[in-house]
PDB file of N, CA and C in Angstrom:
ATOM      1  N   UNK A   1      22.439  -5.739  -8.447  1.00  0.00           N
ATOM      2  CA  UNK A   1      23.067  -6.752  -7.516  1.00  0.00           C
ATOM      3  C   UNK A   1      22.223  -7.803  -7.602  1.00  0.00           C
ATOM      4  N   UNK A   2      23.038  -9.071  -7.788  1.00  0.00           N
ATOM      5  CA  UNK A   2      22.209 -10.357  -7.654  1.00  0.00           C
ATOM      6  C   UNK A   2      22.773 -11.125  -6.516  1.00  0.00           C
ATOM      7  N   UNK A   3      22.002 -11.861  -5.633  1.00  0.00           N
ATOM      8  CA  UNK A   3      22.663 -12.725  -4.817  1.00  0.00           C
ATOM      9  C   UNK A   3      22.096 -14.231  -5.124  1.00  0.00           C
ATOM     10  N   UNK A   4      23.039 -15.373  -5.384  1.00  0.00           N
ATOM     11  CA  UNK A   4      23.030 -16.309  -5.485  1.00  0.00           C
ATOM     12  C   UNK A   4      22.058 -16.849  -6.696  1.00  0.00           C
ATOM     13  N   UNK A   5      22.053 -16.260  -7.596  1.00  0.00           N
ATOM     14  CA  UNK A   5      21.136 -16.340  -9.075  1.00  0.00           C
ATOM     15  C   UNK A   5      19.555 -15.774  -8.582  1.00  0.00           C
ATOM     16  N   UNK A   6      19.337 -15.071  -7.346  1.00  0.00           N
ATOM     17  CA  UNK A   6      17.946 -15.050  -7.202  1.00  0.00           C
ATOM     18  C   UNK A   6      17.863 -13.277  -8.192  1.00  0.00           C
ATOM     19  N   UNK A   7      16.741 -13.046  -8.649  1.00  0.00           N
ATOM     20  CA  UNK A   7      16.332 -11.897  -9.664  1.00  0.00           C
ATOM     21  C   UNK A   7      16.400 -10.854  -8.239  1.00  0.00           C
ATOM     22  N   UNK A   8      16.907  -9.471  -8.648  1.00  0.00           N
ATOM     23  CA  UNK A   8      17.028  -8.622  -7.584  1.00  0.00           C
ATOM     24  C   UNK A   8      15.384  -8.190  -6.790  1.00  0.00           C
ATOM     25  N   UNK A   9      14.301  -8.128  -7.480  1.00  0.00           N
ATOM     26  CA  UNK A   9      13.152  -7.982  -7.356  1.00  0.00           C
ATOM     27  C   UNK A   9      12.821  -9.019  -6.221  1.00  0.00           C
ATOM     28  N   UNK A  10      13.351 -10.389  -5.893  1.00  0.00           N
ATOM     29  CA  UNK A  10      12.747 -11.017  -4.879  1.00  0.00           C
ATOM     30  C   UNK A  10      13.599 -10.825  -3.612  1.00  0.00           C
ATOM     31  N   UNK A  11      14.342  -9.883  -3.535  1.00  0.00           N
ATOM     32  CA  UNK A  11      15.080  -9.473  -2.244  1.00  0.00           C
ATOM     33  C   UNK A  11      14.279  -8.316  -1.650  1.00  0.00           C
ATOM     34  N   UNK A  12      13.158  -7.709  -2.042  1.00  0.00           N
ATOM     35  CA  UNK A  12      12.618  -6.878  -1.695  1.00  0.00           C
ATOM     36  C   UNK A  12      11.066  -6.976  -1.650  1.00  0.00           C
ATOM     37  N   UNK A  13      10.393  -7.919  -1.160  1.00  0.00           N
ATOM     38  CA  UNK A  13       9.280  -8.261  -1.018  1.00  0.00           C
ATOM     39  C   UNK A  13       8.268  -6.997  -0.974  1.00  0.00           C
ATOM     40  N   UNK A  14       8.705  -5.981  -0.177  1.00  0.00           N
ATOM     41  CA  UNK A  14       7.626  -4.905   0.310  1.00  0.00           C
ATOM     42  C   UNK A  14       7.449  -4.178  -1.057  1.00  0.00           C
ATOM     43  N   UNK A  15       8.778  -3.826  -1.984  1.00  0.00           N
ATOM     44  CA  UNK A  15       8.685  -2.964  -2.749  1.00  0.00           C
ATOM     45  C   UNK A  15       7.850  -3.903  -4.061  1.00  0.00           C
ATOM     46  N   UNK A  16       7.992  -4.892  -4.001  1.00  0.00           N
ATOM     47  CA  UNK A  16       7.190  -5.867  -5.127  1.00  0.00           C
ATOM     48  C   UNK A  16       5.805  -5.888  -4.571  1.00  0.00           C
ATOM     49  N   UNK A  17       4.987  -5.848  -3.461  1.00  0.00           N
ATOM     50  CA  UNK A  17       3.945  -5.693  -3.436  1.00  0.00           C
ATOM     51  C   UNK A  17       3.349  -4.114  -3.413  1.00  0.00           C
ATOM     52  N   UNK A  18       4.173  -3.296  -3.431  1.00  0.00           N
ATOM     53  CA  UNK A  18       3.569  -1.750  -3.948  1.00  0.00           C
ATOM     54  C   UNK A  18       3.593  -2.155  -4.963  1.00  0.00           C
ATOM     55  N   UNK A  19       4.429  -2.319  -5.745  1.00  0.00           N
ATOM     56  CA  UNK A  19       4.353  -2.443  -7.377  1.00  0.00           C
ATOM     57  C   UNK A  19       3.226  -3.178  -7.904  1.00  0.00           C
ATOM     58  N   UNK A  20       2.870  -4.284  -7.231  1.00  0.00           N
ATOM     59  CA  UNK A  20       1.524  -5.217  -7.834  1.00  0.00           C
ATOM     60  C   UNK A  20       0.367  -4.434  -7.490  1.00  0.00           C
ATOM     61  N   UNK A  21       0.585  -3.555  -6.010  1.00  0.00           N
ATOM     62  CA  UNK A  21      -0.879  -3.108  -5.733  1.00  0.00           C
ATOM     63  C   UNK A  21      -1.097  -2.063  -6.610  1.00  0.00           C
ATOM     64  N   UNK A  22      -0.260  -1.369  -7.204  1.00  0.00           N
ATOM     65  CA  UNK A  22      -0.311   0.122  -7.836  1.00  0.00           C
ATOM     66  C   UNK A  22      -0.330  -0.116  -9.292  1.00  0.00           C
ATOM     67  N   UNK A  23      -0.194  -1.421  -9.872  1.00  0.00           N
ATOM     68  CA  UNK A  23       0.035  -1.562 -11.243  1.00  0.00           C
ATOM     69  C   UNK A  23      -1.322  -1.345 -12.027  1.00  0.00           C
ATOM     70  N   UNK A  24      -2.690  -1.672 -11.426  1.00  0.00           N
ATOM     71  CA  UNK A  24      -3.782  -1.552 -12.000  1.00  0.00           C
ATOM     72  C   UNK A  24      -4.236  -0.109 -11.886  1.00  0.00           C
ATOM     73  N   UNK A  25      -3.414   1.017 -11.403  1.00  0.00           N
ATOM     74  CA  UNK A  25      -3.716   2.437 -11.088  1.00  0.00           C
ATOM     75  C   UNK A  25      -2.731   3.200 -11.817  1.00  0.00           C
ATOM     76  N   UNK A  26      -1.876   2.661 -12.363  1.00  0.00           N
ATOM     77  CA  UNK A  26      -0.830   3.376 -13.453  1.00  0.00           C
ATOM     78  C   UNK A  26      -1.178   4.305 -14.122  1.00  0.00           C
ATOM     79  N   UNK A  27      -1.832   4.252 -14.792  1.00  0.00           N
ATOM     80  CA  UNK A  27      -2.560   4.842 -16.188  1.00  0.00           C
ATOM     81  C   UNK A  27      -3.418   6.064 -15.561  1.00  0.00           C
ATOM     82  N   UNK A  28      -3.780   6.219 -14.516  1.00  0.00           N
ATOM     83  CA  UNK A  28      -4.771   6.986 -13.586  1.00  0.00           C
ATOM     84  C   UNK A  28      -3.753   8.087 -13.313  1.00  0.00           C
ATOM     85  N   UNK A  29      -2.790   7.367 -12.445  1.00  0.00           N
ATOM     86  CA  UNK A  29      -2.016   8.177 -11.968  1.00  0.00           C
ATOM     87  C   UNK A  29      -0.695   8.831 -12.852  1.00  0.00           C
ATOM     88  N   UNK A  30      -0.614   8.268 -13.879  1.00  0.00           N
ATOM     89  CA  UNK A  30       0.050   8.813 -15.224  1.00  0.00           C
ATOM     90  C   UNK A  30      -0.455   9.978 -15.760  1.00  0.00           C
ATOM     91  N   UNK A  31      -1.897  10.045 -15.588  1.00  0.00           N
ATOM     92  CA  UNK A  31      -2.529  11.123 -16.450  1.00  0.00           C
ATOM     93  C   UNK A  31      -3.006  12.392 -15.349  1.00  0.00           C
ATOM     94  N   UNK A  32      -2.758  11.993 -14.084  1.00  0.00           N
ATOM     95  CA  UNK A  32      -3.182  13.216 -13.149  1.00  0.00           C
ATOM     96  C   UNK A  32      -2.427  14.562 -13.150  1.00  0.00           C
ATOM     97  N   UNK A  33      -3.024  15.420 -12.681  1.00  0.00           N
ATOM     98  CA  UNK A  33      -2.173  16.487 -12.769  1.00  0.00           C
ATOM     99  C   UNK A  33      -0.839  16.860 -11.806  1.00  0.00           C
ATOM    100  N   UNK A  34      -0.889  16.187 -10.832  1.00  0.00           N
ATOM    101  CA  UNK A  34       0.130  16.068 -10.013  1.00  0.00           C
ATOM    102  C   UNK A  34       0.325  14.650  -9.469  1.00  0.00           C
ATOM    103  N   UNK A  35       1.208  14.018 -10.260  1.00  0.00           N
ATOM    104  CA  UNK A  35       1.619  12.282 -10.189  1.00  0.00           C
ATOM    105  C   UNK A  35       1.950  11.836  -8.921  1.00  0.00           C
ATOM    106  N   UNK A  36       2.905  12.781  -8.270  1.00  0.00           N
ATOM    107  CA  UNK A  36       3.699  12.526  -6.867  1.00  0.00           C
ATOM    108  C   UNK A  36       2.295  12.532  -5.798  1.00  0.00           C
ATOM    109  N   UNK A  37       1.517  13.243  -5.865  1.00  0.00           N
ATOM    110  CA  UNK A  37       0.322  13.527  -4.868  1.00  0.00           C
ATOM    111  C   UNK A  37      -0.616  12.493  -5.194  1.00  0.00           C
ATOM    112  N   UNK A  38      -0.918  12.212  -6.687  1.00  0.00           N
ATOM    113  CA  UNK A  38      -2.013  11.055  -6.734  1.00  0.00           C
ATOM    114  C   UNK A  38      -1.396  10.043  -6.106  1.00  0.00           C
ATOM    115  N   UNK A  39      -0.030   9.626  -6.590  1.00  0.00           N
ATOM    116  CA  UNK A  39       0.603   8.277  -5.982  1.00  0.00           C
ATOM    117  C   UNK A  39       0.655   8.148  -4.500  1.00  0.00           C
ATOM    118  N   UNK A  40       0.636   9.019  -3.898  1.00  0.00           N
ATOM    119  CA  UNK A  40       0.482   9.215  -2.303  1.00  0.00           C
ATOM    120  C   UNK A  40      -0.762   8.801  -1.673  1.00  0.00           C
ATOM    121  N   UNK A  41      -2.023   9.451  -2.506  1.00  0.00           N
ATOM    122  CA  UNK A  41      -2.602   9.408  -1.898  1.00  0.00           C
ATOM    123  C   UNK A  41      -3.759   8.098  -2.380  1.00  0.00           C
ATOM    124  N   UNK A  42      -3.168   7.491  -3.821  1.00  0.00           N
ATOM    125  CA  UNK A  42      -3.666   6.393  -3.912  1.00  0.00           C
ATOM    126  C   UNK A  42      -3.025   4.866  -2.824  1.00  0.00           C
ATOM    127  N   UNK A  43      -1.900   5.339  -2.484  1.00  0.00           N
ATOM    128  CA  UNK A  43      -1.171   4.443  -1.734  1.00  0.00           C
ATOM    129  C   UNK A  43      -1.909   4.544  -0.323  1.00  0.00           C
ATOM    130  N   UNK A  44      -2.206   5.638   0.239  1.00  0.00           N
ATOM    131  CA  UNK A  44      -2.992   5.818   1.563  1.00  0.00           C
ATOM    132  C   UNK A  44      -4.323   4.829   1.197  1.00  0.00           C
ATOM    133  N   UNK A  45      -4.990   4.701   0.154  1.00  0.00           N
ATOM    134  CA  UNK A  45      -5.996   4.072  -0.027  1.00  0.00           C
ATOM    135  C   UNK A  45      -5.851   2.633  -0.088  1.00  0.00           C
ATOM    136  N   UNK A  46      -4.979   2.286  -0.632  1.00  0.00           N
ATOM    137  CA  UNK A  46      -4.290   0.744  -1.009  1.00  0.00           C
ATOM    138  C   UNK A  46      -4.364   0.584   0.451  1.00  0.00           C
ATOM    139  N   UNK A  47      -3.552   1.007   1.395  1.00  0.00           N
ATOM    140  CA  UNK A  47      -2.884   0.468   2.449  1.00  0.00           C
ATOM    141  C   UNK A  47      -4.192   0.481   3.763  1.00  0.00           C
ATOM    142  N   UNK A  48      -5.086   1.241   3.540  1.00  0.00           N
ATOM    143  CA  UNK A  48      -6.342   1.605   4.579  1.00  0.00           C
ATOM    144  C   UNK A  48      -6.919   0.232   4.174  1.00  0.00           C
ATOM    145  N   UNK A  49      -7.096  -0.271   2.783  1.00  0.00           N
ATOM    146  CA  UNK A  49      -8.000  -1.064   2.382  1.00  0.00           C
ATOM    147  C   UNK A  49      -7.695  -2.570   2.683  1.00  0.00           C
ATOM    148  N   UNK A  50      -6.119  -2.397   2.612  1.00  0.00           N
ATOM    149  CA  UNK A  50      -5.074  -3.787   3.097  1.00  0.00           C
ATOM    150  C   UNK A  50      -5.605  -4.189   4.783  1.00  0.00           C
ATOM    151  N   UNK A  51      -5.358  -2.860   5.340  1.00  0.00           N
ATOM    152  CA  UNK A  51      -5.464  -3.271   6.940  1.00  0.00           C
ATOM    153  C   UNK A  51      -6.910  -3.426   7.210  1.00  0.00           C
ATOM    154  N   UNK A  52      -7.889  -3.104   6.811  1.00  0.00           N
ATOM    155  CA  UNK A  52      -9.445  -3.383   6.998  1.00  0.00           C
ATOM    156  C   UNK A  52      -9.661  -4.735   6.694  1.00  0.00           C
ATOM    157  N   UNK A  53      -9.057  -5.482   5.660  1.00  0.00           N
ATOM    158  CA  UNK A  53      -9.017  -6.846   5.488  1.00  0.00           C
ATOM    159  C   UNK A  53      -8.077  -7.613   6.314  1.00  0.00           C
ATOM    160  N   UNK A  54      -7.202  -7.106   7.043  1.00  0.00           N
ATOM    161  CA  UNK A  54      -6.711  -8.137   7.854  1.00  0.00           C
ATOM    162  C   UNK A  54      -6.587  -7.700   9.269  1.00  0.00           C
ATOM    163  N   UNK A  55      -7.190  -6.838   9.957  1.00  0.00           N
ATOM    164  CA  UNK A  55      -7.593  -6.468  11.239  1.00  0.00           C
ATOM    165  C   UNK A  55      -8.932  -7.051  11.651  1.00  0.00           C
ATOM    166  N   UNK A  56      -9.089  -7.789  12.503  1.00  0.00           N
ATOM    167  CA  UNK A  56     -10.297  -8.214  13.301  1.00  0.00           C
ATOM    168  C   UNK A  56     -10.752  -7.357  14.199  1.00  0.00           C
ATOM    169  N   UNK A  57     -11.727  -7.158  14.118  1.00  0.00           N
ATOM    170  CA  UNK A  57     -12.252  -5.830  14.852  1.00  0.00           C
ATOM    171  C   UNK A  57     -13.201  -6.194  15.833  1.00  0.00           C
ATOM    172  N   UNK A  58     -13.383  -7.620  16.115  1.00  0.00           N
ATOM    173  CA  UNK A  58     -13.941  -8.474  17.505  1.00  0.00           C
ATOM    174  C   UNK A  58     -13.406  -8.311  18.579  1.00  0.00           C
ATOM    175  N   UNK A  59     -11.930  -7.632  18.787  1.00  0.00           N
ATOM    176  CA  UNK A  59     -11.527  -7.467  19.996  1.00  0.00           C
ATOM    177  C   UNK A  59     -11.994  -6.388  20.570  1.00  0.00           C
ATOM    178  N   UNK A  60     -12.888  -5.399  19.926  1.00  0.00           N
ATOM    179  CA  UNK A  60     -13.261  -4.335  20.678  1.00  0.00           C
ATOM    180  C   UNK A  60     -14.448  -4.722  21.473  1.00  0.00           C
ATOM    181  N   UNK A  61     -14.406  -3.468  22.535  1.00  0.00           N
ATOM    182  CA  UNK A  61     -15.426  -3.488  23.324  1.00  0.00           C
ATOM    183  C   UNK A  61     -16.442  -2.416  22.786  1.00  0.00           C
ATOM    184  N   UNK A  62     -17.201  -2.269  23.428  1.00  0.00           N
ATOM    185  CA  UNK A  62     -18.253  -1.304  23.352  1.00  0.00           C
ATOM    186  C   UNK A  62     -18.062   0.247  23.153  1.00  0.00           C
ATOM    187  N   UNK A  63     -16.826   0.491  24.093  1.00  0.00           N
ATOM    188  CA  UNK A  63     -16.401   1.674  23.768  1.00  0.00           C
ATOM    189  C   UNK A  63     -15.206   1.936  23.264  1.00  0.00           C
ATOM    190  N   UNK A  64     -14.585   0.967  22.476  1.00  0.00           N
ATOM    191  CA  UNK A  64     -13.279   0.906  22.009  1.00  0.00           C
ATOM    192  C   UNK A  64     -13.041   1.740  20.479  1.00  0.00           C
ATOM    193  N   UNK A  65     -11.979   2.402  20.313  1.00  0.00           N
ATOM    194  CA  UNK A  65     -12.108   3.111  19.074  1.00  0.00           C
ATOM    195  C   UNK A  65     -10.535   2.598  18.369  1.00  0.00           C
ATOM    196  N   UNK A  66     -10.246   2.650  17.338  1.00  0.00           N
ATOM    197  CA  UNK A  66      -9.542   2.115  16.341  1.00  0.00           C
ATOM    198  C   UNK A  66      -9.072   3.637  15.322  1.00  0.00           C
ATOM    199  N   UNK A  67      -7.967   4.021  15.437  1.00  0.00           N
ATOM    200  CA  UNK A  67      -7.607   5.007  14.299  1.00  0.00           C
ATOM    201  C   UNK A  67      -6.299   4.583  13.484  1.00  0.00           C
ATOM    202  N   UNK A  68      -6.546   4.726  12.185  1.00  0.00           N
ATOM    203  CA  UNK A  68      -5.501   4.640  11.062  1.00  0.00           C
ATOM    204  C   UNK A  68      -4.921   6.102  11.378  1.00  0.00           C
ATOM    205  N   UNK A  69      -3.583   6.400  11.661  1.00  0.00           N
ATOM    206  CA  UNK A  69      -2.857   7.772  11.546  1.00  0.00           C
ATOM    207  C   UNK A  69      -1.571   7.481  10.395  1.00  0.00           C
ATOM    208  N   UNK A  70      -1.657   8.240   9.397  1.00  0.00           N
ATOM    209  CA  UNK A  70      -0.651   8.483   8.718  1.00  0.00           C
ATOM    210  C   UNK A  70      -0.363   9.742   8.390  1.00  0.00           C
ATOM    211  N   UNK A  71       0.785   9.901   7.270  1.00  0.00           N
ATOM    212  CA  UNK A  71       1.108  11.180   6.820  1.00  0.00           C
ATOM    213  C   UNK A  71       1.672  11.378   5.440  1.00  0.00           C
ATOM    214  N   UNK A  72       1.340  12.387   4.797  1.00  0.00           N
ATOM    215  CA  UNK A  72       1.686  12.426   3.340  1.00  0.00           C
ATOM    216  C   UNK A  72       2.852  13.536   3.239  1.00  0.00           C
TER     217      UNK A  72
END
């Protein structure tokens, strides 16, 4: 489905970002014993890296803690 001449990919920026982040890891994932598990763990790593790059930890006090919680 297209909308006013736009390529379908432009309508889902989140999926485009996921595809962009995973592209360098495609061969590694494809060769793994369990592609779905490998994909899930690689996405966890990429998301963690992305969050650490955008979160400013200067707001924390000396006793503050930050937790990343996710599920696979």
